[in-house]
Amino acid sequence: MDSDLSPYMLPDECHNLLNFMNILVPSIAILLTVLLDTYAMWKLGHFVKIRKNYGMPLHIKNRNREKRLVRMIMVQAITSILTYISLCFAALIRNEFLQFLASSFLWGMVQSIDG
């Protein structure tokens, strides 16, 4: 091996592929979560409409709480998609200090949205 590079370092092309995979894989999982949550929220909304006529007020109140929980989960899933993508783009910054500032700011934003 007459190269100046360490055998453990990746060429730029592999690094770009890894960045793409780091964006794609979590995005697919989170997109599926958003779709399932949307379907669950639709079913809960439909169920609450049916139960309004036949159910007790306590049951309706519990279903409304469940709808709020599903909405909170959806917001968290959507913000995590944006965070994963943003953090991967922040990793492309060559200046380590600016990279640290960008990633710290993004994690702070996610924690403030997440509660």
PDB file of N, CA and C in Angstrom:
ATOM      1  N   MET A   1       0.841  -1.167   0.000  1.00  0.00           N
ATOM      2  CA  MET A   1       0.000   0.000   0.000  1.00  0.00           C
ATOM      3  C   MET A   1       0.887   1.231   0.000  1.00  0.00           C
ATOM      4  N   ASP A   2       0.908   1.896  -1.117  1.00  0.00           N
ATOM      5  CA  ASP A   2       1.718   3.097  -1.246  1.00  0.00           C
ATOM      6  C   ASP A   2       0.873   4.358  -1.140  1.00  0.00           C
ATOM      7  N   SER A   3      -0.196   4.272  -0.439  1.00  0.00           N
ATOM      8  CA  SER A   3      -1.100   5.418  -0.336  1.00  0.00           C
ATOM      9  C   SER A   3      -0.838   6.177   0.955  1.00  0.00           C
ATOM     10  N   ASP A   4      -1.126   7.469   0.908  1.00  0.00           N
ATOM     11  CA  ASP A   4      -1.007   8.286   2.114  1.00  0.00           C
ATOM     12  C   ASP A   4      -2.220   8.130   3.022  1.00  0.00           C
ATOM     13  N   LEU A   5      -3.291   7.569   2.498  1.00  0.00           N
ATOM     14  CA  LEU A   5      -4.516   7.412   3.282  1.00  0.00           C
ATOM     15  C   LEU A   5      -4.441   6.177   4.165  1.00  0.00           C
ATOM     16  N   SER A   6      -5.035   6.274   5.292  1.00  0.00           N
ATOM     17  CA  SER A   6      -5.151   5.114   6.165  1.00  0.00           C
ATOM     18  C   SER A   6      -6.108   4.111   5.518  1.00  0.00           C
ATOM     19  N   PRO A   7      -5.897   2.817   5.704  1.00  0.00           N
ATOM     20  CA  PRO A   7      -6.828   1.843   5.112  1.00  0.00           C
ATOM     21  C   PRO A   7      -8.227   1.925   5.732  1.00  0.00           C
ATOM     22  N   TYR A   8      -8.343   2.608   6.848  1.00  0.00           N
ATOM     23  CA  TYR A   8      -9.640   2.711   7.508  1.00  0.00           C
ATOM     24  C   TYR A   8     -10.412   3.956   7.094  1.00  0.00           C
ATOM     25  N   MET A   9      -9.790   4.832   6.324  1.00  0.00           N
ATOM     26  CA  MET A   9     -10.473   6.044   5.876  1.00  0.00           C
ATOM     27  C   MET A   9     -11.239   5.746   4.595  1.00  0.00           C
ATOM     28  N   LEU A  10     -12.392   6.368   4.465  1.00  0.00           N
ATOM     29  CA  LEU A  10     -13.219   6.147   3.292  1.00  0.00           C
ATOM     30  C   LEU A  10     -12.963   7.219   2.243  1.00  0.00           C
ATOM     31  N   PRO A  11     -12.999   6.841   0.976  1.00  0.00           N
ATOM     32  CA  PRO A  11     -12.928   7.868  -0.067  1.00  0.00           C
ATOM     33  C   PRO A  11     -14.191   8.729  -0.038  1.00  0.00           C
ATOM     34  N   ASP A  12     -14.135   9.863  -0.720  1.00  0.00           N
ATOM     35  CA  ASP A  12     -15.261  10.792  -0.719  1.00  0.00           C
ATOM     36  C   ASP A  12     -16.537  10.161  -1.264  1.00  0.00           C
ATOM     37  N   GLU A  13     -16.422   9.307  -2.287  1.00  0.00           N
ATOM     38  CA  GLU A  13     -17.616   8.701  -2.870  1.00  0.00           C
ATOM     39  C   GLU A  13     -18.329   7.810  -1.856  1.00  0.00           C
ATOM     40  N   CYS A  14     -17.578   7.035  -1.104  1.00  0.00           N
ATOM     41  CA  CYS A  14     -18.183   6.176  -0.083  1.00  0.00           C
ATOM     42  C   CYS A  14     -18.790   7.018   1.034  1.00  0.00           C
ATOM     43  N   HIS A  15     -18.126   8.115   1.359  1.00  0.00           N
ATOM     44  CA  HIS A  15     -18.637   9.001   2.404  1.00  0.00           C
ATOM     45  C   HIS A  15     -19.985   9.593   1.992  1.00  0.00           C
ATOM     46  N   ASN A  16     -20.111   9.973   0.717  1.00  0.00           N
ATOM     47  CA  ASN A  16     -21.381  10.511   0.227  1.00  0.00           C
ATOM     48  C   ASN A  16     -22.472   9.452   0.241  1.00  0.00           C
ATOM     49  N   LEU A  17     -22.121   8.212  -0.103  1.00  0.00           N
ATOM     50  CA  LEU A  17     -23.099   7.127  -0.068  1.00  0.00           C
ATOM     51  C   LEU A  17     -23.553   6.860   1.361  1.00  0.00           C
ATOM     52  N   LEU A  18     -22.620   6.882   2.311  1.00  0.00           N
ATOM     53  CA  LEU A  18     -22.992   6.676   3.709  1.00  0.00           C
ATOM     54  C   LEU A  18     -23.888   7.800   4.208  1.00  0.00           C
ATOM     55  N   ASN A  19     -23.605   9.043   3.819  1.00  0.00           N
ATOM     56  CA  ASN A  19     -24.479  10.153   4.203  1.00  0.00           C
ATOM     57  C   ASN A  19     -25.872   9.969   3.626  1.00  0.00           C
ATOM     58  N   PHE A  20     -25.957   9.511   2.381  1.00  0.00           N
ATOM     59  CA  PHE A  20     -27.260   9.272   1.764  1.00  0.00           C
ATOM     60  C   PHE A  20     -28.017   8.176   2.512  1.00  0.00           C
ATOM     61  N   MET A  21     -27.333   7.102   2.883  1.00  0.00           N
ATOM     62  CA  MET A  21     -27.984   6.010   3.616  1.00  0.00           C
ATOM     63  C   MET A  21     -28.398   6.462   5.011  1.00  0.00           C
ATOM     64  N   ASN A  22     -27.607   7.334   5.632  1.00  0.00           N
ATOM     65  CA  ASN A  22     -27.971   7.854   6.948  1.00  0.00           C
ATOM     66  C   ASN A  22     -29.218   8.722   6.882  1.00  0.00           C
ATOM     67  N   ILE A  23     -29.493   9.312   5.743  1.00  0.00           N
ATOM     68  CA  ILE A  23     -30.716  10.093   5.568  1.00  0.00           C
ATOM     69  C   ILE A  23     -31.873   9.180   5.183  1.00  0.00           C
ATOM     70  N   LEU A  24     -31.631   8.239   4.292  1.00  0.00           N
ATOM     71  CA  LEU A  24     -32.702   7.433   3.721  1.00  0.00           C
ATOM     72  C   LEU A  24     -33.309   6.445   4.713  1.00  0.00           C
ATOM     73  N   VAL A  25     -32.489   5.699   5.416  1.00  0.00           N
ATOM     74  CA  VAL A  25     -33.002   4.636   6.286  1.00  0.00           C
ATOM     75  C   VAL A  25     -33.874   5.180   7.420  1.00  0.00           C
ATOM     76  N   PRO A  26     -33.433   6.173   8.193  1.00  0.00           N
ATOM     77  CA  PRO A  26     -34.337   6.695   9.227  1.00  0.00           C
ATOM     78  C   PRO A  26     -35.573   7.369   8.643  1.00  0.00           C
ATOM     79  N   SER A  27     -35.436   7.981   7.480  1.00  0.00           N
ATOM     80  CA  SER A  27     -36.587   8.653   6.876  1.00  0.00           C
ATOM     81  C   SER A  27     -37.672   7.658   6.490  1.00  0.00           C
ATOM     82  N   ILE A  28     -37.284   6.496   5.993  1.00  0.00           N
ATOM     83  CA  ILE A  28     -38.272   5.474   5.639  1.00  0.00           C
ATOM     84  C   ILE A  28     -38.992   4.984   6.888  1.00  0.00           C
ATOM     85  N   ALA A  29     -38.245   4.701   7.941  1.00  0.00           N
ATOM     86  CA  ALA A  29     -38.869   4.227   9.179  1.00  0.00           C
ATOM     87  C   ALA A  29     -39.801   5.281   9.766  1.00  0.00           C
ATOM     88  N   ILE A  30     -39.382   6.515   9.744  1.00  0.00           N
ATOM     89  CA  ILE A  30     -40.204   7.574  10.325  1.00  0.00           C
ATOM     90  C   ILE A  30     -41.401   7.868   9.431  1.00  0.00           C
ATOM     91  N   LEU A  31     -41.248   7.772   8.120  1.00  0.00           N
ATOM     92  CA  LEU A  31     -42.381   7.960   7.215  1.00  0.00           C
ATOM     93  C   LEU A  31     -43.444   6.891   7.456  1.00  0.00           C
ATOM     94  N   LEU A  32     -43.011   5.661   7.664  1.00  0.00           N
ATOM     95  CA  LEU A  32     -43.970   4.599   7.994  1.00  0.00           C
ATOM     96  C   LEU A  32     -44.675   4.892   9.313  1.00  0.00           C
ATOM     97  N   THR A  33     -43.952   5.424  10.282  1.00  0.00           N
ATOM     98  CA  THR A  33     -44.564   5.798  11.556  1.00  0.00           C
ATOM     99  C   THR A  33     -45.611   6.878  11.355  1.00  0.00           C
ATOM    100  N   VAL A  34     -45.304   7.869  10.528  1.00  0.00           N
ATOM    101  CA  VAL A  34     -46.263   8.950  10.256  1.00  0.00           C
ATOM    102  C   VAL A  34     -47.510   8.391   9.577  1.00  0.00           C
ATOM    103  N   LEU A  35     -47.325   7.495   8.610  1.00  0.00           N
ATOM    104  CA  LEU A  35     -48.478   6.915   7.923  1.00  0.00           C
ATOM    105  C   LEU A  35     -49.347   6.098   8.874  1.00  0.00           C
ATOM    106  N   LEU A  36     -48.720   5.287   9.711  1.00  0.00           N
ATOM    107  CA  LEU A  36     -49.497   4.494  10.668  1.00  0.00           C
ATOM    108  C   LEU A  36     -50.204   5.375  11.692  1.00  0.00           C
ATOM    109  N   ASP A  37     -49.541   6.427  12.142  1.00  0.00           N
ATOM    110  CA  ASP A  37     -50.179   7.345  13.088  1.00  0.00           C
ATOM    111  C   ASP A  37     -51.349   8.080  12.447  1.00  0.00           C
ATOM    112  N   THR A  38     -51.199   8.459  11.186  1.00  0.00           N
ATOM    113  CA  THR A  38     -52.294   9.127  10.482  1.00  0.00           C
ATOM    114  C   THR A  38     -53.492   8.194  10.353  1.00  0.00           C
ATOM    115  N   TYR A  39     -53.224   6.948  10.012  1.00  0.00           N
ATOM    116  CA  TYR A  39     -54.307   5.966   9.911  1.00  0.00           C
ATOM    117  C   TYR A  39     -54.972   5.745  11.272  1.00  0.00           C
ATOM    118  N   ALA A  40     -54.171   5.630  12.325  1.00  0.00           N
ATOM    119  CA  ALA A  40     -54.732   5.435  13.669  1.00  0.00           C
ATOM    120  C   ALA A  40     -55.561   6.642  14.094  1.00  0.00           C
ATOM    121  N   MET A  41     -55.103   7.839  13.747  1.00  0.00           N
ATOM    122  CA  MET A  41     -55.849   9.039  14.106  1.00  0.00           C
ATOM    123  C   MET A  41     -57.164   9.110  13.334  1.00  0.00           C
ATOM    124  N   TRP A  42     -57.140   8.705  12.086  1.00  0.00           N
ATOM    125  CA  TRP A  42     -58.370   8.682  11.303  1.00  0.00           C
ATOM    126  C   TRP A  42     -59.365   7.688  11.898  1.00  0.00           C
ATOM    127  N   LYS A  43     -58.873   6.505  12.271  1.00  0.00           N
ATOM    128  CA  LYS A  43     -59.757   5.500  12.874  1.00  0.00           C
ATOM    129  C   LYS A  43     -60.295   5.978  14.222  1.00  0.00           C
ATOM    130  N   LEU A  44     -59.458   6.608  15.031  1.00  0.00           N
ATOM    131  CA  LEU A  44     -59.928   7.131  16.318  1.00  0.00           C
ATOM    132  C   LEU A  44     -60.974   8.221  16.123  1.00  0.00           C
ATOM    133  N   GLY A  45     -60.752   9.108  15.165  1.00  0.00           N
ATOM    134  CA  GLY A  45     -61.729  10.158  14.893  1.00  0.00           C
ATOM    135  C   GLY A  45     -63.052   9.584  14.442  1.00  0.00           C
ATOM    136  N   HIS A  46     -63.003   8.572  13.598  1.00  0.00           N
ATOM    137  CA  HIS A  46     -64.222   7.906  13.135  1.00  0.00           C
ATOM    138  C   HIS A  46     -64.925   7.211  14.301  1.00  0.00           C
ATOM    139  N   PHE A  47     -64.145   6.572  15.151  1.00  0.00           N
ATOM    140  CA  PHE A  47     -64.711   5.866  16.303  1.00  0.00           C
ATOM    141  C   PHE A  47     -65.350   6.847  17.290  1.00  0.00           C
ATOM    142  N   VAL A  48     -64.714   8.004  17.498  1.00  0.00           N
ATOM    143  CA  VAL A  48     -65.267   9.008  18.417  1.00  0.00           C
ATOM    144  C   VAL A  48     -66.593   9.537  17.888  1.00  0.00           C
ATOM    145  N   LYS A  49     -66.694   9.731  16.573  1.00  0.00           N
ATOM    146  CA  LYS A  49     -67.956  10.200  15.994  1.00  0.00           C
ATOM    147  C   LYS A  49     -69.074   9.189  16.222  1.00  0.00           C
ATOM    148  N   ILE A  50     -68.770   7.925  16.069  1.00  0.00           N
ATOM    149  CA  ILE A  50     -69.783   6.886  16.288  1.00  0.00           C
ATOM    150  C   ILE A  50     -70.158   6.813  17.763  1.00  0.00           C
ATOM    151  N   ARG A  51     -69.158   6.883  18.642  1.00  0.00           N
ATOM    152  CA  ARG A  51     -69.414   6.738  20.078  1.00  0.00           C
ATOM    153  C   ARG A  51     -70.104   7.953  20.692  1.00  0.00           C
ATOM    154  N   LYS A  52     -70.073   9.112  20.021  1.00  0.00           N
ATOM    155  CA  LYS A  52     -70.739  10.296  20.570  1.00  0.00           C
ATOM    156  C   LYS A  52     -72.227  10.047  20.755  1.00  0.00           C
ATOM    157  N   ASN A  53     -72.803   9.328  19.830  1.00  0.00           N
ATOM    158  CA  ASN A  53     -74.238   9.066  19.891  1.00  0.00           C
ATOM    159  C   ASN A  53     -74.585   7.957  20.871  1.00  0.00           C
ATOM    160  N   TYR A  54     -73.681   7.016  21.077  1.00  0.00           N
ATOM    161  CA  TYR A  54     -74.011   5.836  21.867  1.00  0.00           C
ATOM    162  C   TYR A  54     -73.206   5.685  23.152  1.00  0.00           C
ATOM    163  N   GLY A  55     -72.167   6.479  23.333  1.00  0.00           N
ATOM    164  CA  GLY A  55     -71.280   6.282  24.473  1.00  0.00           C
ATOM    165  C   GLY A  55     -71.524   7.243  25.610  1.00  0.00           C
ATOM    166  N   MET A  56     -70.845   6.956  26.700  1.00  0.00           N
ATOM    167  CA  MET A  56     -70.907   7.831  27.863  1.00  0.00           C
ATOM    168  C   MET A  56     -69.879   8.954  27.691  1.00  0.00           C
ATOM    169  N   PRO A  57     -70.110  10.100  28.330  1.00  0.00           N
ATOM    170  CA  PRO A  57     -69.164  11.227  28.179  1.00  0.00           C
ATOM    171  C   PRO A  57     -67.740  10.897  28.626  1.00  0.00           C
ATOM    172  N   LEU A  58     -67.589  10.023  29.607  1.00  0.00           N
ATOM    173  CA  LEU A  58     -66.247   9.657  30.072  1.00  0.00           C
ATOM    174  C   LEU A  58     -65.465   8.941  28.969  1.00  0.00           C
ATOM    175  N   HIS A  59     -66.138   8.076  28.218  1.00  0.00           N
ATOM    176  CA  HIS A  59     -65.462   7.352  27.140  1.00  0.00           C
ATOM    177  C   HIS A  59     -65.044   8.304  26.029  1.00  0.00           C
ATOM    178  N   ILE A  60     -65.912   9.277  25.737  1.00  0.00           N
ATOM    179  CA  ILE A  60     -65.582  10.258  24.700  1.00  0.00           C
ATOM    180  C   ILE A  60     -64.362  11.075  25.124  1.00  0.00           C
ATOM    181  N   LYS A  61     -64.304  11.425  26.402  1.00  0.00           N
ATOM    182  CA  LYS A  61     -63.165  12.190  26.917  1.00  0.00           C
ATOM    183  C   LYS A  61     -61.867  11.387  26.785  1.00  0.00           C
ATOM    184  N   ASN A  62     -61.940  10.085  27.082  1.00  0.00           N
ATOM    185  CA  ASN A  62     -60.748   9.235  26.955  1.00  0.00           C
ATOM    186  C   ASN A  62     -60.298   9.125  25.498  1.00  0.00           C
ATOM    187  N   ARG A  63     -61.249   9.025  24.575  1.00  0.00           N
ATOM    188  CA  ARG A  63     -60.893   8.940  23.155  1.00  0.00           C
ATOM    189  C   ARG A  63     -60.249  10.242  22.678  1.00  0.00           C
ATOM    190  N   ASN A  64     -60.743  11.366  23.172  1.00  0.00           N
ATOM    191  CA  ASN A  64     -60.128  12.646  22.799  1.00  0.00           C
ATOM    192  C   ASN A  64     -58.699  12.732  23.324  1.00  0.00           C
ATOM    193  N   ARG A  65     -58.453  12.172  24.493  1.00  0.00           N
ATOM    194  CA  ARG A  65     -57.079  12.125  25.018  1.00  0.00           C
ATOM    195  C   ARG A  65     -56.196  11.266  24.127  1.00  0.00           C
ATOM    196  N   GLU A  66     -56.742  10.152  23.658  1.00  0.00           N
ATOM    197  CA  GLU A  66     -55.979   9.287  22.770  1.00  0.00           C
ATOM    198  C   GLU A  66     -55.657  10.007  21.457  1.00  0.00           C
ATOM    199  N   LYS A  67     -56.609  10.781  20.947  1.00  0.00           N
ATOM    200  CA  LYS A  67     -56.353  11.542  19.723  1.00  0.00           C
ATOM    201  C   LYS A  67     -55.239  12.564  19.934  1.00  0.00           C
ATOM    202  N   ARG A  68     -55.228  13.217  21.079  1.00  0.00           N
ATOM    203  CA  ARG A  68     -54.157  14.187  21.361  1.00  0.00           C
ATOM    204  C   ARG A  68     -52.804  13.490  21.443  1.00  0.00           C
ATOM    205  N   LEU A  69     -52.771  12.296  22.045  1.00  0.00           N
ATOM    206  CA  LEU A  69     -51.522  11.542  22.141  1.00  0.00           C
ATOM    207  C   LEU A  69     -51.004  11.177  20.749  1.00  0.00           C
ATOM    208  N   VAL A  70     -51.895  10.733  19.879  1.00  0.00           N
ATOM    209  CA  VAL A  70     -51.479  10.370  18.526  1.00  0.00           C
ATOM    210  C   VAL A  70     -50.959  11.599  17.779  1.00  0.00           C
ATOM    211  N   ARG A  71     -51.599  12.747  17.968  1.00  0.00           N
ATOM    212  CA  ARG A  71     -51.112  13.982  17.334  1.00  0.00           C
ATOM    213  C   ARG A  71     -49.713  14.331  17.829  1.00  0.00           C
ATOM    214  N   MET A  72     -49.475  14.184  19.122  1.00  0.00           N
ATOM    215  CA  MET A  72     -48.147  14.480  19.671  1.00  0.00           C
ATOM    216  C   MET A  72     -47.100  13.544  19.079  1.00  0.00           C
ATOM    217  N   ILE A  73     -47.445  12.271  18.915  1.00  0.00           N
ATOM    218  CA  ILE A  73     -46.511  11.308  18.329  1.00  0.00           C
ATOM    219  C   ILE A  73     -46.211  11.679  16.880  1.00  0.00           C
ATOM    220  N   MET A  74     -47.236  12.114  16.149  1.00  0.00           N
ATOM    221  CA  MET A  74     -47.020  12.511  14.756  1.00  0.00           C
ATOM    222  C   MET A  74     -46.096  13.719  14.656  1.00  0.00           C
ATOM    223  N   VAL A  75     -46.286  14.703  15.511  1.00  0.00           N
ATOM    224  CA  VAL A  75     -45.419  15.887  15.488  1.00  0.00           C
ATOM    225  C   VAL A  75     -43.982  15.487  15.794  1.00  0.00           C
ATOM    226  N   GLN A  76     -43.801  14.594  16.750  1.00  0.00           N
ATOM    227  CA  GLN A  76     -42.452  14.150  17.093  1.00  0.00           C
ATOM    228  C   GLN A  76     -41.817  13.395  15.925  1.00  0.00           C
ATOM    229  N   ALA A  77     -42.593  12.560  15.239  1.00  0.00           N
ATOM    230  CA  ALA A  77     -42.048  11.807  14.107  1.00  0.00           C
ATOM    231  C   ALA A  77     -41.641  12.740  12.970  1.00  0.00           C
ATOM    232  N   ILE A  78     -42.463  13.744  12.706  1.00  0.00           N
ATOM    233  CA  ILE A  78     -42.151  14.676  11.621  1.00  0.00           C
ATOM    234  C   ILE A  78     -40.922  15.514  11.961  1.00  0.00           C
ATOM    235  N   THR A  79     -40.823  15.992  13.198  1.00  0.00           N
ATOM    236  CA  THR A  79     -39.641  16.785  13.564  1.00  0.00           C
ATOM    237  C   THR A  79     -38.381  15.928  13.590  1.00  0.00           C
ATOM    238  N   SER A  80     -38.523  14.647  13.918  1.00  0.00           N
ATOM    239  CA  SER A  80     -37.329  13.797  13.907  1.00  0.00           C
ATOM    240  C   SER A  80     -36.839  13.560  12.482  1.00  0.00           C
ATOM    241  N   ILE A  81     -37.750  13.497  11.508  1.00  0.00           N
ATOM    242  CA  ILE A  81     -37.323  13.395  10.107  1.00  0.00           C
ATOM    243  C   ILE A  81     -36.481  14.604   9.739  1.00  0.00           C
ATOM    244  N   LEU A  82     -37.005  15.779  10.062  1.00  0.00           N
ATOM    245  CA  LEU A  82     -36.276  17.007   9.730  1.00  0.00           C
ATOM    246  C   LEU A  82     -34.936  17.074  10.459  1.00  0.00           C
ATOM    247  N   THR A  83     -34.908  16.586  11.686  1.00  0.00           N
ATOM    248  CA  THR A  83     -33.660  16.607  12.455  1.00  0.00           C
ATOM    249  C   THR A  83     -32.623  15.673  11.857  1.00  0.00           C
ATOM    250  N   TYR A  84     -33.028  14.446  11.522  1.00  0.00           N
ATOM    251  CA  TYR A  84     -32.074  13.510  10.930  1.00  0.00           C
ATOM    252  C   TYR A  84     -31.486  14.073   9.639  1.00  0.00           C
ATOM    253  N   ILE A  85     -32.347  14.616   8.804  1.00  0.00           N
ATOM    254  CA  ILE A  85     -31.858  15.167   7.540  1.00  0.00           C
ATOM    255  C   ILE A  85     -30.954  16.370   7.799  1.00  0.00           C
ATOM    256  N   SER A  86     -31.359  17.238   8.705  1.00  0.00           N
ATOM    257  CA  SER A  86     -30.559  18.429   9.002  1.00  0.00           C
ATOM    258  C   SER A  86     -29.214  18.058   9.612  1.00  0.00           C
ATOM    259  N   LEU A  87     -29.200  17.069  10.497  1.00  0.00           N
ATOM    260  CA  LEU A  87     -27.932  16.656  11.100  1.00  0.00           C
ATOM    261  C   LEU A  87     -26.996  16.045  10.068  1.00  0.00           C
ATOM    262  N   CYS A  88     -27.552  15.329   9.109  1.00  0.00           N
ATOM    263  CA  CYS A  88     -26.695  14.775   8.059  1.00  0.00           C
ATOM    264  C   CYS A  88     -26.104  15.880   7.200  1.00  0.00           C
ATOM    265  N   PHE A  89     -26.890  16.930   6.924  1.00  0.00           N
ATOM    266  CA  PHE A  89     -26.340  18.048   6.168  1.00  0.00           C
ATOM    267  C   PHE A  89     -25.354  18.842   7.018  1.00  0.00           C
ATOM    268  N   ALA A  90     -25.587  18.902   8.327  1.00  0.00           N
ATOM    269  CA  ALA A  90     -24.634  19.584   9.206  1.00  0.00           C
ATOM    270  C   ALA A  90     -23.299  18.841   9.231  1.00  0.00           C
ATOM    271  N   ALA A  91     -23.343  17.529   9.028  1.00  0.00           N
ATOM    272  CA  ALA A  91     -22.100  16.751   9.009  1.00  0.00           C
ATOM    273  C   ALA A  91     -21.250  17.058   7.780  1.00  0.00           C
ATOM    274  N   LEU A  92     -21.843  17.665   6.766  1.00  0.00           N
ATOM    275  CA  LEU A  92     -21.087  18.006   5.560  1.00  0.00           C
ATOM    276  C   LEU A  92     -20.260  19.271   5.729  1.00  0.00           C
ATOM    277  N   ILE A  93     -20.486  20.022   6.793  1.00  0.00           N
ATOM    278  CA  ILE A  93     -19.718  21.242   7.046  1.00  0.00           C
ATOM    279  C   ILE A  93     -18.295  20.837   7.422  1.00  0.00           C
ATOM    280  N   ARG A  94     -17.328  21.425   6.758  1.00  0.00           N
ATOM    281  CA  ARG A  94     -15.925  21.044   6.984  1.00  0.00           C
ATOM    282  C   ARG A  94     -15.337  21.668   8.246  1.00  0.00           C
ATOM    283  N   ASN A  95     -15.778  22.854   8.602  1.00  0.00           N
ATOM    284  CA  ASN A  95     -15.266  23.524   9.793  1.00  0.00           C
ATOM    285  C   ASN A  95     -15.878  22.852  11.026  1.00  0.00           C
ATOM    286  N   GLU A  96     -15.043  22.307  11.895  1.00  0.00           N
ATOM    287  CA  GLU A  96     -15.544  21.539  13.036  1.00  0.00           C
ATOM    288  C   GLU A  96     -16.330  22.394  14.018  1.00  0.00           C
ATOM    289  N   PHE A  97     -15.919  23.640  14.206  1.00  0.00           N
ATOM    290  CA  PHE A  97     -16.633  24.509  15.137  1.00  0.00           C
ATOM    291  C   PHE A  97     -18.032  24.833  14.614  1.00  0.00           C
ATOM    292  N   LEU A  98     -18.139  25.166  13.325  1.00  0.00           N
ATOM    293  CA  LEU A  98     -19.453  25.441  12.738  1.00  0.00           C
ATOM    294  C   LEU A  98     -20.327  24.189  12.724  1.00  0.00           C
ATOM    295  N   GLN A  99     -19.697  23.042  12.510  1.00  0.00           N
ATOM    296  CA  GLN A  99     -20.433  21.776  12.551  1.00  0.00           C
ATOM    297  C   GLN A  99     -20.985  21.525  13.952  1.00  0.00           C
ATOM    298  N   PHE A 100     -20.180  21.785  14.968  1.00  0.00           N
ATOM    299  CA  PHE A 100     -20.625  21.640  16.353  1.00  0.00           C
ATOM    300  C   PHE A 100     -21.781  22.587  16.653  1.00  0.00           C
ATOM    301  N   LEU A 101     -21.669  23.853  16.220  1.00  0.00           N
ATOM    302  CA  LEU A 101     -22.739  24.826  16.456  1.00  0.00           C
ATOM    303  C   LEU A 101     -24.032  24.413  15.759  1.00  0.00           C
ATOM    304  N   ALA A 102     -23.922  23.957  14.516  1.00  0.00           N
ATOM    305  CA  ALA A 102     -25.121  23.567  13.764  1.00  0.00           C
ATOM    306  C   ALA A 102     -25.801  22.364  14.401  1.00  0.00           C
ATOM    307  N   SER A 103     -25.025  21.351  14.766  1.00  0.00           N
ATOM    308  CA  SER A 103     -25.638  20.157  15.353  1.00  0.00           C
ATOM    309  C   SER A 103     -26.184  20.441  16.749  1.00  0.00           C
ATOM    310  N   SER A 104     -25.507  21.254  17.537  1.00  0.00           N
ATOM    311  CA  SER A 104     -26.013  21.598  18.873  1.00  0.00           C
ATOM    312  C   SER A 104     -27.308  22.387  18.780  1.00  0.00           C
ATOM    313  N   PHE A 105     -27.372  23.321  17.835  1.00  0.00           N
ATOM    314  CA  PHE A 105     -28.588  24.109  17.649  1.00  0.00           C
ATOM    315  C   PHE A 105     -29.752  23.212  17.241  1.00  0.00           C
ATOM    316  N   LEU A 106     -29.495  22.258  16.332  1.00  0.00           N
ATOM    317  CA  LEU A 106     -30.570  21.380  15.872  1.00  0.00           C
ATOM    318  C   LEU A 106     -31.078  20.483  16.992  1.00  0.00           C
ATOM    319  N   TRP A 107     -30.171  19.936  17.806  1.00  0.00           N
ATOM    320  CA  TRP A 107     -30.623  19.089  18.913  1.00  0.00           C
ATOM    321  C   TRP A 107     -31.406  19.907  19.933  1.00  0.00           C
ATOM    322  N   GLY A 108     -30.982  21.139  20.164  1.00  0.00           N
ATOM    323  CA  GLY A 108     -31.736  22.007  21.068  1.00  0.00           C
ATOM    324  C   GLY A 108     -33.132  22.300  20.554  1.00  0.00           C
ATOM    325  N   MET A 109     -33.251  22.516  19.246  1.00  0.00           N
ATOM    326  CA  MET A 109     -34.569  22.765  18.658  1.00  0.00           C
ATOM    327  C   MET A 109     -35.472  21.543  18.794  1.00  0.00           C
ATOM    328  N   VAL A 110     -34.924  20.368  18.577  1.00  0.00           N
ATOM    329  CA  VAL A 110     -35.734  19.151  18.695  1.00  0.00           C
ATOM    330  C   VAL A 110     -36.201  18.959  20.131  1.00  0.00           C
ATOM    331  N   GLN A 111     -35.314  19.181  21.085  1.00  0.00           N
ATOM    332  CA  GLN A 111     -35.710  19.006  22.482  1.00  0.00           C
ATOM    333  C   GLN A 111     -36.763  20.023  22.894  1.00  0.00           C
ATOM    334  N   SER A 112     -36.701  21.234  22.359  1.00  0.00           N
ATOM    335  CA  SER A 112     -37.717  22.234  22.709  1.00  0.00           C
ATOM    336  C   SER A 112     -39.061  21.891  22.085  1.00  0.00           C
ATOM    337  N   ILE A 113     -39.062  21.337  20.883  1.00  0.00           N
ATOM    338  CA  ILE A 113     -40.318  20.931  20.249  1.00  0.00           C
ATOM    339  C   ILE A 113     -40.866  19.688  20.924  1.00  0.00           C
ATOM    340  N   ASP A 114     -39.976  18.760  21.268  1.00  0.00           N
ATOM    341  CA  ASP A 114     -40.385  17.492  21.877  1.00  0.00           C
ATOM    342  C   ASP A 114     -40.961  17.705  23.268  1.00  0.00           C
ATOM    343  N   GLY A 115     -40.464  18.688  23.969  1.00  0.00           N
ATOM    344  CA  GLY A 115     -40.999  18.983  25.305  1.00  0.00           C
ATOM    345  C   GLY A 115     -40.206  18.275  26.310  1.00  0.00           C
TER     346      GLY A 115
END
